C-alpha atoms as a PDB file:
ATOM      1  CA  MET A   1    -183.971  78.464  38.932  1.00  0.00           C
ATOM      2  CA  ASP A   2    -186.056  81.584  38.480  1.00  0.00           C
ATOM      3  CA  LYS A   3    -189.155  79.459  38.267  1.00  0.00           C
ATOM      4  CA  LEU A   4    -188.210  77.702  41.547  1.00  0.00           C
ATOM      5  CA  MET A   5    -187.790  80.980  43.381  1.00  0.00           C
ATOM      6  CA  ASP A   6    -191.062  82.214  41.978  1.00  0.00           C
ATOM      7  CA  SER A   7    -192.788  79.118  43.313  1.00  0.00           C
ATOM      8  CA  PRO A   8    -195.119  79.768  46.291  1.00  0.00           C
ATOM      9  CA  TRP A   9    -193.974  76.555  47.980  1.00  0.00           C
ATOM     10  CA  PHE A  10    -190.356  77.640  47.870  1.00  0.00           C
ATOM     11  CA  LEU A  11    -191.198  80.911  49.509  1.00  0.00           C
ATOM     12  CA  ARG A  12    -193.251  79.136  52.180  1.00  0.00           C
ATOM     13  CA  ILE A  13    -190.416  76.726  53.000  1.00  0.00           C
ATOM     14  CA  MET A  14    -187.853  79.529  53.222  1.00  0.00           C
ATOM     15  CA  ALA A  15    -190.099  81.532  55.530  1.00  0.00           C
ATOM     16  CA  LEU A  16    -190.542  78.495  57.777  1.00  0.00           C
ATOM     17  CA  LEU A  17    -186.769  77.958  57.950  1.00  0.00           C
ATOM     18  CA  LEU A  18    -186.197  81.596  58.854  1.00  0.00           C
ATOM     19  CA  ALA A  19    -188.838  81.362  61.582  1.00  0.00           C
ATOM     20  CA  PHE A  20    -187.169  78.269  63.085  1.00  0.00           C
ATOM     21  CA  LEU A  21    -183.780  80.042  62.982  1.00  0.00           C
ATOM     22  CA  LEU A  22    -185.127  83.125  64.737  1.00  0.00           C
ATOM     23  CA  PHE A  23    -186.878  80.989  67.397  1.00  0.00           C
ATOM     24  CA  PHE A  24    -183.793  79.017  68.316  1.00  0.00           C
ATOM     25  CA  SER A  25    -181.657  82.185  68.390  1.00  0.00           C
ATOM     26  CA  VAL A  26    -183.988  83.897  70.888  1.00  0.00           C
ATOM     27  CA  LYS A  27    -184.261  80.666  72.911  1.00  0.00           C
ATOM     28  CA  ALA A  28    -180.487  80.443  73.207  1.00  0.00           C
ATOM     29  CA  ASP A  29    -180.280  84.019  74.468  1.00  0.00           C
ATOM     30  CA  GLU A  30    -182.997  83.370  77.073  1.00  0.00           C
ATOM     31  CA  ASP A  31    -181.312  80.163  78.222  1.00  0.00           C
ATOM     32  CA  ALA A  32    -178.011  82.005  78.598  1.00  0.00           C
ATOM     33  CA  ALA A  33    -179.700  84.749  80.642  1.00  0.00           C
ATOM     34  CA  ASN A  34    -181.541  82.229  82.825  1.00  0.00           C
ATOM     35  CA  SER A  35    -178.336  80.309  83.350  1.00  0.00           C
ATOM     36  CA  ALA A  36    -176.611  83.463  84.563  1.00  0.00           C
ATOM     37  CA  ASN A  37    -179.523  84.382  86.839  1.00  0.00           C
ATOM     38  CA  ASN A  38    -179.742  80.892  88.297  1.00  0.00           C
ATOM     39  CA  GLY A  39    -176.020  80.782  89.162  1.00  0.00           C
ATOM     40  CA  THR A  40    -175.155  80.622  92.912  1.00  0.00           C
ATOM     41  CA  ILE A  41    -172.892  83.168  94.600  1.00  0.00           C
ATOM     42  CA  THR A  42    -171.935  83.890  98.206  1.00  0.00           C
ATOM     43  CA  GLU A  43    -171.594  87.325  99.810  1.00  0.00           C
ATOM     44  CA  GLU A  44    -170.597  88.414 103.335  1.00  0.00           C
ATOM     45  CA  ILE A  45    -172.250  91.471 104.847  1.00  0.00           C
ATOM     46  CA  GLU A  46    -170.237  92.700 107.846  1.00  0.00           C
ATOM     47  CA  GLY A  47    -171.361  94.866 110.743  1.00  0.00           C
ATOM     48  CA  VAL A  48    -175.126  94.433 110.594  1.00  0.00           C
ATOM     49  CA  GLU A  49    -176.790  96.206 113.526  1.00  0.00           C
ATOM     50  CA  LEU A  50    -178.442  93.848 115.980  1.00  0.00           C
ATOM     51  CA  GLU A  51    -181.908  94.715 117.271  1.00  0.00           C
ATOM     52  CA  VAL A  52    -183.273  93.566 120.636  1.00  0.00           C
ATOM     53  CA  PHE A  53    -186.905  92.823 121.401  1.00  0.00           C
ATOM     54  CA  TYR A  54    -187.943  92.812 125.076  1.00  0.00           C
ATOM     55  CA  GLY A  55    -190.948  94.385 126.669  1.00  0.00           C
ATOM     56  CA  ASP A  56    -190.133  95.142 130.308  1.00  0.00           C
ATOM     57  CA  THR A  57    -188.493  98.561 130.631  1.00  0.00           C
ATOM     58  CA  ASN A  58    -187.483  97.739 134.223  1.00  0.00           C
ATOM     59  CA  LEU A  59    -185.027  95.150 132.922  1.00  0.00           C
ATOM     60  CA  MET A  60    -181.634  95.547 131.263  1.00  0.00           C
ATOM     61  CA  VAL A  61    -179.604  93.185 129.097  1.00  0.00           C
ATOM     62  CA  SER A  62    -175.837  92.762 129.157  1.00  0.00           C
ATOM     63  CA  GLY A  63    -173.623  90.610 126.956  1.00  0.00           C
ATOM     64  CA  LEU A  64    -175.230  91.540 123.640  1.00  0.00           C
ATOM     65  CA  PRO A  65    -172.933  92.593 120.799  1.00  0.00           C
ATOM     66  CA  GLU A  66    -173.972  95.694 118.906  1.00  0.00           C
ATOM     67  CA  MET A  67    -173.425  94.046 115.516  1.00  0.00           C
ATOM     68  CA  ALA A  68    -173.152  90.666 113.795  1.00  0.00           C
ATOM     69  CA  ASP A  69    -171.864  89.443 110.412  1.00  0.00           C
ATOM     70  CA  LEU A  70    -174.170  87.841 107.841  1.00  0.00           C
ATOM     71  CA  THR A  71    -173.192  85.452 105.008  1.00  0.00           C
ATOM     72  CA  ILE A  72    -175.798  84.776 102.288  1.00  0.00           C
ATOM     73  CA  SER A  73    -175.690  82.278  99.407  1.00  0.00           C
ATOM     74  CA  GLY A  74    -178.131  81.840  96.534  1.00  0.00           C
ATOM     75  CA  PRO A  75    -179.111  83.069  93.063  1.00  0.00           C
ATOM     76  CA  THR A  76    -177.040  85.989  91.880  1.00  0.00           C
ATOM     77  CA  SER A  77    -180.013  88.303  91.490  1.00  0.00           C
ATOM     78  CA  ALA A  78    -181.358  87.554  94.987  1.00  0.00           C
ATOM     79  CA  VAL A  79    -177.943  87.967  96.652  1.00  0.00           C
ATOM     80  CA  GLN A  80    -177.158  91.224  94.871  1.00  0.00           C
ATOM     81  CA  THR A  81    -180.599  92.680  95.613  1.00  0.00           C
ATOM     82  CA  THR A  82    -180.297  91.786  99.286  1.00  0.00           C
ATOM     83  CA  ARG A  83    -176.819  93.283  99.551  1.00  0.00           C
ATOM     84  CA  GLN A  84    -177.836  96.532  97.869  1.00  0.00           C
ATOM     85  CA  LEU A  85    -181.153  97.137  99.616  1.00  0.00           C
ATOM     86  CA  LYS A  86    -180.245  95.785 103.075  1.00  0.00           C
ATOM     87  CA  ASP A  87    -183.931  95.787 104.017  1.00  0.00           C
ATOM     88  CA  PHE A  88    -183.576  92.808 106.339  1.00  0.00           C
ATOM     89  CA  THR A  89    -183.225  92.643 110.144  1.00  0.00           C
ATOM     90  CA  LEU A  90    -181.041  90.681 112.566  1.00  0.00           C
ATOM     91  CA  PHE A  91    -182.591  90.435 116.016  1.00  0.00           C
ATOM     92  CA  VAL A  92    -182.797  88.569 119.314  1.00  0.00           C
ATOM     93  CA  ASP A  93    -186.163  88.044 120.958  1.00  0.00           C
ATOM     94  CA  LEU A  94    -186.049  88.226 124.768  1.00  0.00           C
ATOM     95  CA  ARG A  95    -189.695  88.993 125.426  1.00  0.00           C
ATOM     96  CA  ASN A  96    -190.518  85.695 127.123  1.00  0.00           C
ATOM     97  CA  LEU A  97    -187.288  85.215 129.063  1.00  0.00           C
ATOM     98  CA  PRO A  98    -187.039  85.637 132.858  1.00  0.00           C
ATOM     99  CA  ILE A  99    -184.272  87.368 134.806  1.00  0.00           C
ATOM    100  CA  GLY A 100    -181.033  85.391 134.629  1.00  0.00           C
ATOM    101  CA  GLU A 101    -178.455  84.073 132.163  1.00  0.00           C
ATOM    102  CA  HIS A 102    -179.513  82.754 128.756  1.00  0.00           C
ATOM    103  CA  ARG A 103    -178.083  81.612 125.410  1.00  0.00           C
ATOM    104  CA  VAL A 104    -180.254  82.929 122.597  1.00  0.00           C
ATOM    105  CA  PRO A 105    -180.067  82.625 118.797  1.00  0.00           C
ATOM    106  CA  ILE A 106    -179.726  85.585 116.466  1.00  0.00           C
ATOM    107  CA  GLN A 107    -182.676  85.501 114.090  1.00  0.00           C
ATOM    108  CA  THR A 108    -183.378  87.053 110.689  1.00  0.00           C
ATOM    109  CA  GLU A 109    -186.375  88.821 109.230  1.00  0.00           C
ATOM    110  CA  ASN A 110    -187.274  89.837 105.668  1.00  0.00           C
ATOM    111  CA  LEU A 111    -184.696  87.666 103.882  1.00  0.00           C
ATOM    112  CA  SER A 112    -185.615  85.857 100.646  1.00  0.00           C
ATOM    113  CA  GLU A 113    -186.424  82.151 100.982  1.00  0.00           C
ATOM    114  CA  GLN A 114    -184.065  81.562  98.062  1.00  0.00           C
ATOM    115  CA  LEU A 115    -181.095  82.454 100.251  1.00  0.00           C
ATOM    116  CA  ARG A 116    -179.061  80.258 102.560  1.00  0.00           C
ATOM    117  CA  VAL A 117    -178.064  82.244 105.650  1.00  0.00           C
ATOM    118  CA  GLN A 118    -175.183  81.997 108.128  1.00  0.00           C
ATOM    119  CA  ILE A 119    -174.843  84.417 111.078  1.00  0.00           C
ATOM    120  CA  ASP A 120    -171.671  85.046 113.071  1.00  0.00           C
ATOM    121  CA  PRO A 121    -172.158  84.672 115.973  1.00  0.00           C
ATOM    122  CA  ALA A 122    -175.147  82.374 115.654  1.00  0.00           C
ATOM    123  CA  PHE A 123    -175.838  82.458 119.419  1.00  0.00           C
ATOM    124  CA  VAL A 124    -175.101  84.999 122.147  1.00  0.00           C
ATOM    125  CA  ASP A 125    -174.824  84.584 125.912  1.00  0.00           C
ATOM    126  CA  ILE A 126    -176.797  87.305 127.677  1.00  0.00           C
ATOM    127  CA  THR A 127    -177.824  88.261 131.192  1.00  0.00           C
ATOM    128  CA  ILE A 128    -181.176  89.839 131.984  1.00  0.00           C
ATOM    129  CA  GLU A 129    -181.127  91.932 135.151  1.00  0.00           C
ATOM    130  CA  GLU A 130    -183.126  94.468 137.059  1.00  0.00           C
ATOM    131  CA  ARG A 131    -182.581  98.085 135.959  1.00  0.00           C
ATOM    132  CA  VAL A 132    -181.139 100.130 138.869  1.00  0.00           C
ATOM    133  CA  THR A 133    -180.528 103.881 139.238  1.00  0.00           C
ATOM    134  CA  GLN A 134    -178.206 105.216 141.938  1.00  0.00           C
ATOM    135  CA  GLU A 135    -176.584 108.543 142.861  1.00  0.00           C
ATOM    136  CA  PHE A 136    -172.791 108.698 143.167  1.00  0.00           C
ATOM    137  CA  ARG A 137    -170.402 111.435 144.276  1.00  0.00           C
ATOM    138  CA  ILE A 138    -168.240 112.768 141.436  1.00  0.00           C
ATOM    139  CA  ASP A 139    -164.498 112.737 142.142  1.00  0.00           C
ATOM    140  CA  PRO A 140    -162.701 115.360 140.008  1.00  0.00           C
ATOM    141  CA  GLU A 141    -159.082 114.607 139.205  1.00  0.00           C
ATOM    142  CA  MET A 142    -156.157 115.958 137.216  1.00  0.00           C
ATOM    143  CA  ASN A 143    -152.832 114.387 136.343  1.00  0.00           C
ATOM    144  CA  GLU A 144    -150.261 116.592 138.069  1.00  0.00           C
ATOM    145  CA  ARG A 145    -147.828 115.883 135.231  1.00  0.00           C
ATOM    146  CA  LEU A 146    -149.809 118.521 133.325  1.00  0.00           C
ATOM    147  CA  LEU A 147    -148.579 121.195 135.752  1.00  0.00           C
ATOM    148  CA  LYS A 148    -145.651 123.433 134.976  1.00  0.00           C
ATOM    149  CA  GLU A 149    -142.608 122.787 137.149  1.00  0.00           C
ATOM    150  CA  GLY A 150    -142.871 124.670 140.401  1.00  0.00           C
ATOM    151  CA  PHE A 151    -146.689 124.695 140.447  1.00  0.00           C
ATOM    152  CA  VAL A 152    -149.104 122.533 142.420  1.00  0.00           C
ATOM    153  CA  LEU A 153    -152.783 121.692 142.437  1.00  0.00           C
ATOM    154  CA  GLU A 154    -154.116 123.336 145.586  1.00  0.00           C
ATOM    155  CA  GLU A 155    -157.807 122.510 145.158  1.00  0.00           C
ATOM    156  CA  ILE A 156    -160.125 120.834 142.646  1.00  0.00           C
ATOM    157  CA  SER A 157    -163.926 120.595 142.623  1.00  0.00           C
ATOM    158  CA  ALA A 158    -166.750 119.466 140.326  1.00  0.00           C
ATOM    159  CA  GLU A 159    -170.179 120.874 139.615  1.00  0.00           C
ATOM    160  CA  PRO A 160    -172.547 119.116 139.967  1.00  0.00           C
ATOM    161  CA  LYS A 161    -171.161 117.148 142.866  1.00  0.00           C
ATOM    162  CA  THR A 162    -173.144 113.965 142.124  1.00  0.00           C
ATOM    163  CA  ALA A 163    -174.220 111.981 139.048  1.00  0.00           C
ATOM    164  CA  SER A 164    -177.092 109.554 138.477  1.00  0.00           C
ATOM    165  CA  VAL A 165    -176.011 106.203 137.019  1.00  0.00           C
ATOM    166  CA  THR A 166    -178.517 103.723 135.541  1.00  0.00           C
ATOM    167  CA  GLY A 167    -177.601 100.171 134.546  1.00  0.00           C
ATOM    168  CA  PRO A 168    -177.885  96.451 135.343  1.00  0.00           C
ATOM    169  CA  LYS A 169    -177.803  95.764 139.067  1.00  0.00           C
ATOM    170  CA  SER A 170    -174.545  93.783 138.851  1.00  0.00           C
ATOM    171  CA  VAL A 171    -172.824  96.699 137.112  1.00  0.00           C
ATOM    172  CA  ILE A 172    -174.151  99.298 139.567  1.00  0.00           C
ATOM    173  CA  ASP A 173    -172.969  97.124 142.470  1.00  0.00           C
ATOM    174  CA  ALA A 174    -169.485  96.979 140.901  1.00  0.00           C
ATOM    175  CA  ILE A 175    -169.059 100.768 140.783  1.00  0.00           C
ATOM    176  CA  SER A 176    -166.267 101.980 143.050  1.00  0.00           C
ATOM    177  CA  PHE A 177    -165.462 105.367 141.513  1.00  0.00           C
ATOM    178  CA  VAL A 178    -167.251 108.001 139.463  1.00  0.00           C
ATOM    179  CA  LYS A 179    -164.567 110.333 138.141  1.00  0.00           C
ATOM    180  CA  ALA A 180    -164.397 113.514 136.071  1.00  0.00           C
ATOM    181  CA  THR A 181    -160.845 113.599 134.740  1.00  0.00           C
ATOM    182  CA  VAL A 182    -159.308 116.781 133.338  1.00  0.00           C
ATOM    183  CA  THR A 183    -157.186 116.361 130.216  1.00  0.00           C
ATOM    184  CA  GLY A 184    -155.117 118.896 128.298  1.00  0.00           C
ATOM    185  CA  GLU A 185    -151.676 120.085 127.313  1.00  0.00           C
ATOM    186  CA  PRO A 186    -148.812 120.144 129.854  1.00  0.00           C
ATOM    187  CA  GLY A 187    -147.443 123.378 131.271  1.00  0.00           C
ATOM    188  CA  VAL A 188    -150.487 124.513 133.286  1.00  0.00           C
ATOM    189  CA  ASN A 189    -149.537 127.394 135.619  1.00  0.00           C
ATOM    190  CA  GLU A 190    -152.843 129.095 136.448  1.00  0.00           C
ATOM    191  CA  SER A 191    -156.282 128.237 137.805  1.00  0.00           C
ATOM    192  CA  PHE A 192    -158.984 127.229 135.322  1.00  0.00           C
ATOM    193  CA  THR A 193    -162.493 125.829 134.842  1.00  0.00           C
ATOM    194  CA  THR A 194    -163.280 123.280 132.127  1.00  0.00           C
ATOM    195  CA  GLU A 195    -165.676 120.463 131.214  1.00  0.00           C
ATOM    196  CA  ALA A 196    -164.664 116.850 131.858  1.00  0.00           C
ATOM    197  CA  ARG A 197    -166.431 113.653 130.817  1.00  0.00           C
ATOM    198  CA  ILE A 198    -167.691 111.507 133.701  1.00  0.00           C
ATOM    199  CA  ARG A 199    -166.471 107.894 133.839  1.00  0.00           C
ATOM    200  CA  VAL A 200    -167.716 104.970 135.913  1.00  0.00           C
ATOM    201  CA  LEU A 201    -164.950 102.692 137.202  1.00  0.00           C
ATOM    202  CA  ALA A 202    -164.695  99.402 139.047  1.00  0.00           C
ATOM    203  CA  ASN A 203    -162.396  98.843 142.013  1.00  0.00           C
ATOM    204  CA  ASP A 204    -159.492  97.928 139.682  1.00  0.00           C
ATOM    205  CA  LEU A 205    -160.111 101.168 137.732  1.00  0.00           C
ATOM    206  CA  THR A 206    -161.488  99.400 134.648  1.00  0.00           C
ATOM    207  CA  LYS A 207    -164.234 101.346 132.891  1.00  0.00           C
ATOM    208  CA  LEU A 208    -167.727  99.901 133.326  1.00  0.00           C
ATOM    209  CA  GLU A 209    -169.955  99.738 130.247  1.00  0.00           C
ATOM    210  CA  ASN A 210    -173.684  99.396 129.625  1.00  0.00           C
ATOM    211  CA  VAL A 211    -174.622 102.283 131.918  1.00  0.00           C
ATOM    212  CA  VAL A 212    -176.348 105.621 131.399  1.00  0.00           C
ATOM    213  CA  ILE A 213    -174.743 108.581 133.226  1.00  0.00           C
ATOM    214  CA  GLU A 214    -176.669 111.766 133.875  1.00  0.00           C
ATOM    215  CA  PRO A 215    -175.131 114.256 133.353  1.00  0.00           C
ATOM    216  CA  GLU A 216    -172.415 112.962 131.029  1.00  0.00           C
ATOM    217  CA  VAL A 217    -170.016 115.843 131.777  1.00  0.00           C
ATOM    218  CA  ALA A 218    -169.151 117.924 134.831  1.00  0.00           C
ATOM    219  CA  GLU A 219    -167.640 121.392 135.167  1.00  0.00           C
ATOM    220  CA  VAL A 220    -164.307 121.017 136.940  1.00  0.00           C
ATOM    221  CA  SER A 221    -162.571 123.975 138.625  1.00  0.00           C
ATOM    222  CA  ALA A 222    -158.897 123.673 139.537  1.00  0.00           C
ATOM    223  CA  LYS A 223    -156.943 126.084 141.742  1.00  0.00           C
ATOM    224  CA  ILE A 224    -153.305 126.156 140.621  1.00  0.00           C
ATOM    225  CA  GLU A 225    -150.632 127.913 142.655  1.00  0.00           C
ATOM    226  CA  GLU A 226    -146.879 128.146 142.702  1.00  0.00           C
ATOM    227  CA  TYR A 227    -145.321 125.606 145.071  1.00  0.00           C
ATOM    228  CA  SER A 228    -144.515 127.042 148.485  1.00  0.00           C
ATOM    229  CA  LYS A 229    -143.994 126.204 152.108  1.00  0.00           C
ATOM    230  CA  GLU A 230    -143.667 128.062 155.373  1.00  0.00           C
ATOM    231  CA  VAL A 231    -140.286 128.124 157.098  1.00  0.00           C
ATOM    232  CA  PRO A 232    -139.435 129.556 160.523  1.00  0.00           C
ATOM    233  CA  VAL A 233    -137.733 132.926 160.780  1.00  0.00           C
ATOM    234  CA  THR A 234    -134.421 133.079 162.591  1.00  0.00           C
ATOM    235  CA  ILE A 235    -133.084 136.498 163.687  1.00  0.00           C
ATOM    236  CA  LYS A 236    -129.309 136.854 163.696  1.00  0.00           C
ATOM    237  CA  GLN A 237    -127.788 139.887 165.432  1.00  0.00           C
ATOM    238  CA  ASN A 238    -124.744 141.469 163.836  1.00  0.00           C
ATOM    239  CA  GLY A 239    -122.556 144.191 165.289  1.00  0.00           C
ATOM    240  CA  GLU A 240    -122.858 145.998 168.579  1.00  0.00           C
ATOM    241  CA  ALA A 241    -125.644 148.202 169.857  1.00  0.00           C
ATOM    242  CA  PRO A 242    -124.880 151.876 170.427  1.00  0.00           C
ATOM    243  CA  THR A 243    -123.104 152.777 173.664  1.00  0.00           C
ATOM    244  CA  GLY A 244    -125.430 152.612 176.590  1.00  0.00           C
ATOM    245  CA  VAL A 245    -127.913 150.323 174.786  1.00  0.00           C
ATOM    246  CA  LYS A 246    -128.101 146.635 175.478  1.00  0.00           C
ATOM    247  CA  ILE A 247    -130.336 144.464 173.279  1.00  0.00           C
ATOM    248  CA  GLU A 248    -132.109 141.860 175.362  1.00  0.00           C
ATOM    249  CA  SER A 249    -133.904 140.191 172.418  1.00  0.00           C
ATOM    250  CA  LEU A 250    -135.006 140.676 168.801  1.00  0.00           C
ATOM    251  CA  VAL A 251    -138.609 139.645 168.082  1.00  0.00           C
ATOM    252  CA  PRO A 252    -139.873 139.391 164.458  1.00  0.00           C
ATOM    253  CA  SER A 253    -143.444 140.461 163.595  1.00  0.00           C
ATOM    254  CA  SER A 254    -143.980 137.018 162.068  1.00  0.00           C
ATOM    255  CA  GLU A 255    -142.424 133.795 163.202  1.00  0.00           C
ATOM    256  CA  THR A 256    -142.611 132.257 159.699  1.00  0.00           C
ATOM    257  CA  VAL A 257    -142.391 133.313 156.047  1.00  0.00           C
ATOM    258  CA  ARG A 258    -143.637 131.523 152.923  1.00  0.00           C
ATOM    259  CA  ILE A 259    -141.099 130.684 150.216  1.00  0.00           C
ATOM    260  CA  TYR A 260    -142.198 130.098 146.577  1.00  0.00           C
ATOM    261  CA  GLY A 261    -140.406 128.257 143.809  1.00  0.00           C
ATOM    262  CA  PRO A 262    -139.438 124.799 142.534  1.00  0.00           C
ATOM    263  CA  LYS A 263    -140.163 122.042 145.039  1.00  0.00           C
ATOM    264  CA  SER A 264    -136.569 120.840 145.275  1.00  0.00           C
ATOM    265  CA  ALA A 265    -135.237 124.316 146.093  1.00  0.00           C
ATOM    266  CA  VAL A 266    -138.018 125.210 148.510  1.00  0.00           C
ATOM    267  CA  ASP A 267    -137.958 121.912 150.385  1.00  0.00           C
ATOM    268  CA  ALA A 268    -134.221 122.254 150.963  1.00  0.00           C
ATOM    269  CA  LEU A 269    -134.833 125.327 153.180  1.00  0.00           C
ATOM    270  CA  LYS A 270    -135.157 124.694 156.910  1.00  0.00           C
ATOM    271  CA  GLU A 271    -135.227 128.347 158.059  1.00  0.00           C
ATOM    272  CA  TYR A 272    -135.110 131.913 156.786  1.00  0.00           C
ATOM    273  CA  VAL A 273    -132.350 133.958 158.432  1.00  0.00           C
ATOM    274  CA  VAL A 274    -132.774 137.714 158.868  1.00  0.00           C
ATOM    275  CA  GLU A 275    -129.558 139.482 159.905  1.00  0.00           C
ATOM    276  CA  VAL A 276    -130.073 142.675 161.942  1.00  0.00           C
ATOM    277  CA  ASN A 277    -127.207 145.036 162.656  1.00  0.00           C
ATOM    278  CA  ALA A 278    -127.605 146.023 166.292  1.00  0.00           C
ATOM    279  CA  GLY A 279    -126.088 149.466 165.642  1.00  0.00           C
ATOM    280  CA  ILE A 280    -129.353 150.761 164.180  1.00  0.00           C
ATOM    281  CA  VAL A 281    -131.255 150.292 167.422  1.00  0.00           C
ATOM    282  CA  THR A 282    -131.629 153.408 169.565  1.00  0.00           C
ATOM    283  CA  PRO A 283    -133.494 154.140 172.781  1.00  0.00           C
ATOM    284  CA  THR A 284    -136.059 156.117 170.759  1.00  0.00           C
ATOM    285  CA  ASP A 285    -136.371 153.711 167.781  1.00  0.00           C
ATOM    286  CA  THR A 286    -136.398 150.036 168.609  1.00  0.00           C
ATOM    287  CA  THR A 287    -138.160 148.789 165.462  1.00  0.00           C
ATOM    288  CA  VAL A 288    -136.178 147.613 162.444  1.00  0.00           C
ATOM    289  CA  GLU A 289    -137.892 146.943 159.072  1.00  0.00           C
ATOM    290  CA  ALA A 290    -136.068 144.369 156.985  1.00  0.00           C
ATOM    291  CA  GLU A 291    -136.568 143.788 153.271  1.00  0.00           C
ATOM    292  CA  LEU A 292    -136.803 140.082 152.528  1.00  0.00           C
ATOM    293  CA  LYS A 293    -135.230 138.630 149.397  1.00  0.00           C
ATOM    294  CA  ALA A 294    -135.914 135.257 147.758  1.00  0.00           C
ATOM    295  CA  PRO A 295    -133.270 132.659 148.617  1.00  0.00           C
ATOM    296  CA  PRO A 296    -131.179 131.335 145.707  1.00  0.00           C
ATOM    297  CA  GLY A 297    -133.117 128.934 143.475  1.00  0.00           C
ATOM    298  CA  THR A 298    -136.523 130.227 144.610  1.00  0.00           C
ATOM    299  CA  THR A 299    -138.777 132.865 143.049  1.00  0.00           C
ATOM    300  CA  SER A 300    -140.238 134.923 145.902  1.00  0.00           C
ATOM    301  CA  VAL A 301    -140.892 135.236 149.614  1.00  0.00           C
ATOM    302  CA  SER A 302    -144.009 136.427 151.426  1.00  0.00           C
ATOM    303  CA  PRO A 303    -144.188 138.846 153.125  1.00  0.00           C
ATOM    304  CA  ASN A 304    -141.496 140.860 151.361  1.00  0.00           C
ATOM    305  CA  THR A 305    -140.754 142.945 154.461  1.00  0.00           C
ATOM    306  CA  LEU A 306    -140.537 142.050 158.114  1.00  0.00           C
ATOM    307  CA  LYS A 307    -140.460 144.199 161.223  1.00  0.00           C
ATOM    308  CA  VAL A 308    -138.118 143.243 164.035  1.00  0.00           C
ATOM    309  CA  GLU A 309    -138.766 144.704 167.485  1.00  0.00           C
ATOM    310  CA  ALA A 310    -135.748 145.083 169.735  1.00  0.00           C
ATOM    311  CA  GLU A 311    -136.269 144.727 173.458  1.00  0.00           C
ATOM    312  CA  ILE A 312    -133.555 146.851 175.000  1.00  0.00           C
ATOM    313  CA  ARG A 313    -132.151 147.979 178.286  1.00  0.00           C
ATOM    314  CA  VAL A 314    -130.636 151.506 178.429  1.00  0.00           C
ATOM    315  CA  ASP A 315    -127.781 152.495 180.752  1.00  0.00           C
ATOM    316  CA  GLU A 316    -128.384 156.236 181.134  1.00  0.00           C
ATOM    317  CA  THR A 317    -125.107 156.763 182.946  1.00  0.00           C
ATOM    318  CA  VAL A 318    -123.197 156.043 179.721  1.00  0.00           C
ATOM    319  CA  GLU A 319    -122.972 158.620 176.954  1.00  0.00           C
ATOM    320  CA  ALA A 320    -122.396 157.774 173.310  1.00  0.00           C
ATOM    321  CA  PRO A 321    -119.081 158.957 171.860  1.00  0.00           C
ATOM    322  CA  GLU A 322    -119.392 162.270 170.105  1.00  0.00           C
ATOM    323  CA  GLY A 323    -119.632 161.907 166.307  1.00  0.00           C
ATOM    324  CA  ALA A 324    -120.297 158.153 166.461  1.00  0.00           C
ATOM    325  CA  GLU A 325    -121.889 156.794 163.289  1.00  0.00           C
ATOM    326  CA  ILE A 326    -125.002 154.636 163.422  1.00  0.00           C
ATOM    327  CA  PRO A 327    -124.437 151.576 161.184  1.00  0.00           C
ATOM    328  CA  GLU A 328    -127.066 150.341 158.707  1.00  0.00           C
ATOM    329  CA  VAL A 329    -129.207 147.212 159.046  1.00  0.00           C
ATOM    330  CA  SER A 330    -128.322 144.132 157.056  1.00  0.00           C
ATOM    331  CA  GLU A 331    -130.862 141.469 156.155  1.00  0.00           C
ATOM    332  CA  ASN A 332    -129.443 138.458 154.417  1.00  0.00           C
ATOM    333  CA  PRO A 333    -131.486 135.460 153.322  1.00  0.00           C
ATOM    334  CA  PRO A 334    -129.917 132.031 153.786  1.00  0.00           C
ATOM    335  CA  SER A 335    -127.667 130.770 151.033  1.00  0.00           C
END
């Protein structure tokens, strides 16, 4: 046995067998790796940005989605590399198309030839139109539900007063309103100035897309005041004039006053009654100044005082009783 192992031929045969064993072992590993690499997988890449190629800057395109979904199938290595690098492009080529409606395919660029590709959507319906720019008046607005109870929007304005809108001709022709709408928390009870985003609306108040608005925001100023209305003043004479004085008429310095407060309370008032005691009128002082108080349920009245001028006739043959007291004036707002 020792002689056999010492034989050169034995050693040569053993070395050859070991070489064959090593060769087939490495070959099996390579085949396994190649088998894994050559396996087919499928991956979906969602939300790939869609590029548009068209040369005429005087034209605009509507109907194009911003993104599309891509499904790729092929060797594992190619699919994984494509998904990780994302160095491909999805695009539509409109450079040779005239104005009008078209159905165009979404195409790919820089994808491996080893991959099978499916795009969703595969085709898109688009409209190529003339680019139009037009000036529109900005209408500022505010939801009056934002106002505190008892307050009203007296005036609202926007600066600038107009906006430039650029878009496809069909969209520009559909514009009925350009609005700057104020938003915020309810309970507004004072005037303010704020920025509001400008919106372009159709006749049914749906928002129109695919337009460029310049500027995008406007400065809106709102004048907020407490609710009020003017009511006529009614003078009511109480008591008797001093002896020898006859009151022909009582004329207020203002025929109306303005009442402030909640709408329901203010609107219920038809007049403001000022009661004047005739006993305060004398031949030398025919003017009565009445202090005006807010009627129940309201907050204030303007002005807060009112002068009443008495037109009198004096009978000089009659003397006032000695020690007669001159009564005070009484001004009572309506209940």
